[in-house]
Amino acid sequence: MKGARLLAPIAVIALAAVVIAVLAGSLGGTDSDGGKRGKGGGGKAKTERTDEKFYTVEPGDSLTSISNKTGVGVNKLSQLNPELDPQALISGQRVKLR
């Protein structure tokens, strides 16, 4: 009984640590160039306005980050890619830009 009383708080702390690690990794990790992701720029976008027809999804990309990199609005990206699940973008996946 005493062991269970000690095990429960340890399990809660371990779970909290895992959740924090996952959130930190998904929100503030580094991109493929080693720079920090997030607001404020710092790194040069691949293309500001693009004449390309497709964008290839990179690790950590979201529909918003693709929009920021390409200059194509999120709504337009959604219209052009109705089969695209914005919550489950996969590295290497191609996104239509026009």
C-alpha atoms as a PDB file:
ATOM      1  CA  MET A   1       0.000   0.000   0.000  1.00  0.00           C
ATOM      2  CA  LYS A   2       2.824   2.376   0.878  1.00  0.00           C
ATOM      3  CA  GLY A   3       4.526   1.655  -2.461  1.00  0.00           C
ATOM      4  CA  ALA A   4       1.386   2.660  -4.363  1.00  0.00           C
ATOM      5  CA  ARG A   5       1.277   5.970  -2.462  1.00  0.00           C
ATOM      6  CA  LEU A   6       4.805   6.742  -3.648  1.00  0.00           C
ATOM      7  CA  LEU A   7       4.297   5.455  -7.176  1.00  0.00           C
ATOM      8  CA  ALA A   8       1.272   7.664  -8.001  1.00  0.00           C
ATOM      9  CA  PRO A   9       3.040  11.046  -7.552  1.00  0.00           C
ATOM     10  CA  ILE A  10       6.104   9.764  -9.407  1.00  0.00           C
ATOM     11  CA  ALA A  11       3.879   8.662 -12.309  1.00  0.00           C
ATOM     12  CA  VAL A  12       2.163  12.071 -12.393  1.00  0.00           C
ATOM     13  CA  ILE A  13       5.514  13.878 -12.437  1.00  0.00           C
ATOM     14  CA  ALA A  14       6.850  11.597 -15.167  1.00  0.00           C
ATOM     15  CA  LEU A  15       3.727  12.155 -17.280  1.00  0.00           C
ATOM     16  CA  ALA A  16       4.001  15.925 -16.838  1.00  0.00           C
ATOM     17  CA  ALA A  17       7.654  15.810 -17.930  1.00  0.00           C
ATOM     18  CA  VAL A  18       6.741  13.858 -21.070  1.00  0.00           C
ATOM     19  CA  VAL A  19       3.935  16.294 -21.941  1.00  0.00           C
ATOM     20  CA  ILE A  20       6.250  19.278 -21.462  1.00  0.00           C
ATOM     21  CA  ALA A  21       8.953  17.664 -23.602  1.00  0.00           C
ATOM     22  CA  VAL A  22       6.498  16.930 -26.424  1.00  0.00           C
ATOM     23  CA  LEU A  23       5.055  20.450 -26.355  1.00  0.00           C
ATOM     24  CA  ALA A  24       8.500  22.045 -26.241  1.00  0.00           C
ATOM     25  CA  GLY A  25       9.630  19.953 -29.183  1.00  0.00           C
ATOM     26  CA  SER A  26       6.616  20.807 -31.304  1.00  0.00           C
ATOM     27  CA  LEU A  27       6.495  24.524 -30.474  1.00  0.00           C
ATOM     28  CA  GLY A  28      10.078  25.670 -30.265  1.00  0.00           C
ATOM     29  CA  GLY A  29      12.393  23.168 -31.879  1.00  0.00           C
ATOM     30  CA  THR A  30      15.012  23.937 -34.451  1.00  0.00           C
ATOM     31  CA  ASP A  31      14.486  23.850 -38.169  1.00  0.00           C
ATOM     32  CA  SER A  32      16.641  21.993 -40.675  1.00  0.00           C
ATOM     33  CA  ASP A  33      19.095  24.922 -40.821  1.00  0.00           C
ATOM     34  CA  GLY A  34      19.649  24.788 -37.061  1.00  0.00           C
ATOM     35  CA  GLY A  35      17.821  28.065 -36.432  1.00  0.00           C
ATOM     36  CA  LYS A  36      14.964  28.577 -34.054  1.00  0.00           C
ATOM     37  CA  ARG A  37      11.442  28.327 -35.401  1.00  0.00           C
ATOM     38  CA  GLY A  38       8.791  30.801 -34.467  1.00  0.00           C
ATOM     39  CA  LYS A  39       7.694  34.353 -35.022  1.00  0.00           C
ATOM     40  CA  GLY A  40       9.973  37.210 -35.860  1.00  0.00           C
ATOM     41  CA  GLY A  41      11.714  35.904 -38.949  1.00  0.00           C
ATOM     42  CA  GLY A  42      15.456  35.804 -38.453  1.00  0.00           C
ATOM     43  CA  GLY A  43      15.889  33.345 -41.285  1.00  0.00           C
ATOM     44  CA  LYS A  44      15.182  34.105 -44.897  1.00  0.00           C
ATOM     45  CA  ALA A  45      12.006  32.525 -46.215  1.00  0.00           C
ATOM     46  CA  LYS A  46      12.443  30.102 -49.109  1.00  0.00           C
ATOM     47  CA  THR A  47      10.287  32.252 -51.353  1.00  0.00           C
ATOM     48  CA  GLU A  48       8.393  35.430 -50.597  1.00  0.00           C
ATOM     49  CA  ARG A  49       6.150  35.450 -53.651  1.00  0.00           C
ATOM     50  CA  THR A  50       6.514  32.313 -55.654  1.00  0.00           C
ATOM     51  CA  ASP A  51       5.867  31.294 -59.219  1.00  0.00           C
ATOM     52  CA  GLU A  52       6.347  27.668 -58.205  1.00  0.00           C
ATOM     53  CA  LYS A  53       3.404  25.305 -58.630  1.00  0.00           C
ATOM     54  CA  PHE A  54       4.132  23.165 -55.564  1.00  0.00           C
ATOM     55  CA  TYR A  55       5.736  23.393 -52.128  1.00  0.00           C
ATOM     56  CA  THR A  56       7.301  20.314 -50.537  1.00  0.00           C
ATOM     57  CA  VAL A  57       6.430  19.984 -46.854  1.00  0.00           C
ATOM     58  CA  GLU A  58       9.415  20.028 -44.478  1.00  0.00           C
ATOM     59  CA  PRO A  59       9.554  18.745 -40.878  1.00  0.00           C
ATOM     60  CA  GLY A  60       7.723  21.132 -38.556  1.00  0.00           C
ATOM     61  CA  ASP A  61       5.752  22.866 -41.324  1.00  0.00           C
ATOM     62  CA  SER A  62       2.187  23.962 -40.748  1.00  0.00           C
ATOM     63  CA  LEU A  63      -0.257  25.495 -43.206  1.00  0.00           C
ATOM     64  CA  THR A  64       0.522  28.885 -41.665  1.00  0.00           C
ATOM     65  CA  SER A  65       4.294  28.480 -42.013  1.00  0.00           C
ATOM     66  CA  ILE A  66       3.866  27.352 -45.631  1.00  0.00           C
ATOM     67  CA  SER A  67       1.699  30.411 -46.243  1.00  0.00           C
ATOM     68  CA  ASN A  68       4.360  32.654 -44.704  1.00  0.00           C
ATOM     69  CA  LYS A  69       7.134  31.052 -46.769  1.00  0.00           C
ATOM     70  CA  THR A  70       5.279  31.138 -50.094  1.00  0.00           C
ATOM     71  CA  GLY A  71       3.067  34.217 -49.835  1.00  0.00           C
ATOM     72  CA  VAL A  72      -0.029  32.131 -50.639  1.00  0.00           C
ATOM     73  CA  GLY A  73      -2.849  32.625 -48.124  1.00  0.00           C
ATOM     74  CA  VAL A  74      -3.950  29.808 -45.821  1.00  0.00           C
ATOM     75  CA  ASN A  75      -7.491  29.914 -47.255  1.00  0.00           C
ATOM     76  CA  LYS A  76      -6.140  29.680 -50.813  1.00  0.00           C
ATOM     77  CA  LEU A  77      -3.909  26.734 -49.839  1.00  0.00           C
ATOM     78  CA  SER A  78      -6.954  24.989 -48.349  1.00  0.00           C
ATOM     79  CA  GLN A  79      -9.012  25.637 -51.495  1.00  0.00           C
ATOM     80  CA  LEU A  80      -6.260  24.349 -53.788  1.00  0.00           C
ATOM     81  CA  ASN A  81      -5.632  21.267 -51.619  1.00  0.00           C
ATOM     82  CA  PRO A  82      -9.028  19.979 -50.387  1.00  0.00           C
ATOM     83  CA  GLU A  83      -7.516  16.547 -49.671  1.00  0.00           C
ATOM     84  CA  LEU A  84      -4.878  18.095 -47.381  1.00  0.00           C
ATOM     85  CA  ASP A  85      -5.276  17.541 -43.642  1.00  0.00           C
ATOM     86  CA  PRO A  86      -3.682  20.627 -42.022  1.00  0.00           C
ATOM     87  CA  GLN A  87      -3.303  18.725 -38.746  1.00  0.00           C
ATOM     88  CA  ALA A  88      -1.353  15.871 -40.339  1.00  0.00           C
ATOM     89  CA  LEU A  89       1.146  17.319 -42.807  1.00  0.00           C
ATOM     90  CA  ILE A  90       3.823  14.813 -43.780  1.00  0.00           C
ATOM     91  CA  SER A  91       7.416  15.644 -44.753  1.00  0.00           C
ATOM     92  CA  GLY A  92       7.835  15.288 -48.490  1.00  0.00           C
ATOM     93  CA  GLN A  93       4.138  15.861 -49.171  1.00  0.00           C
ATOM     94  CA  ARG A  94       3.525  18.263 -52.072  1.00  0.00           C
ATOM     95  CA  VAL A  95       1.173  21.226 -51.628  1.00  0.00           C
ATOM     96  CA  LYS A  96      -0.309  23.004 -54.659  1.00  0.00           C
ATOM     97  CA  LEU A  97       0.394  26.738 -54.642  1.00  0.00           C
ATOM     98  CA  ARG A  98      -1.587  27.781 -57.722  1.00  0.00           C
END
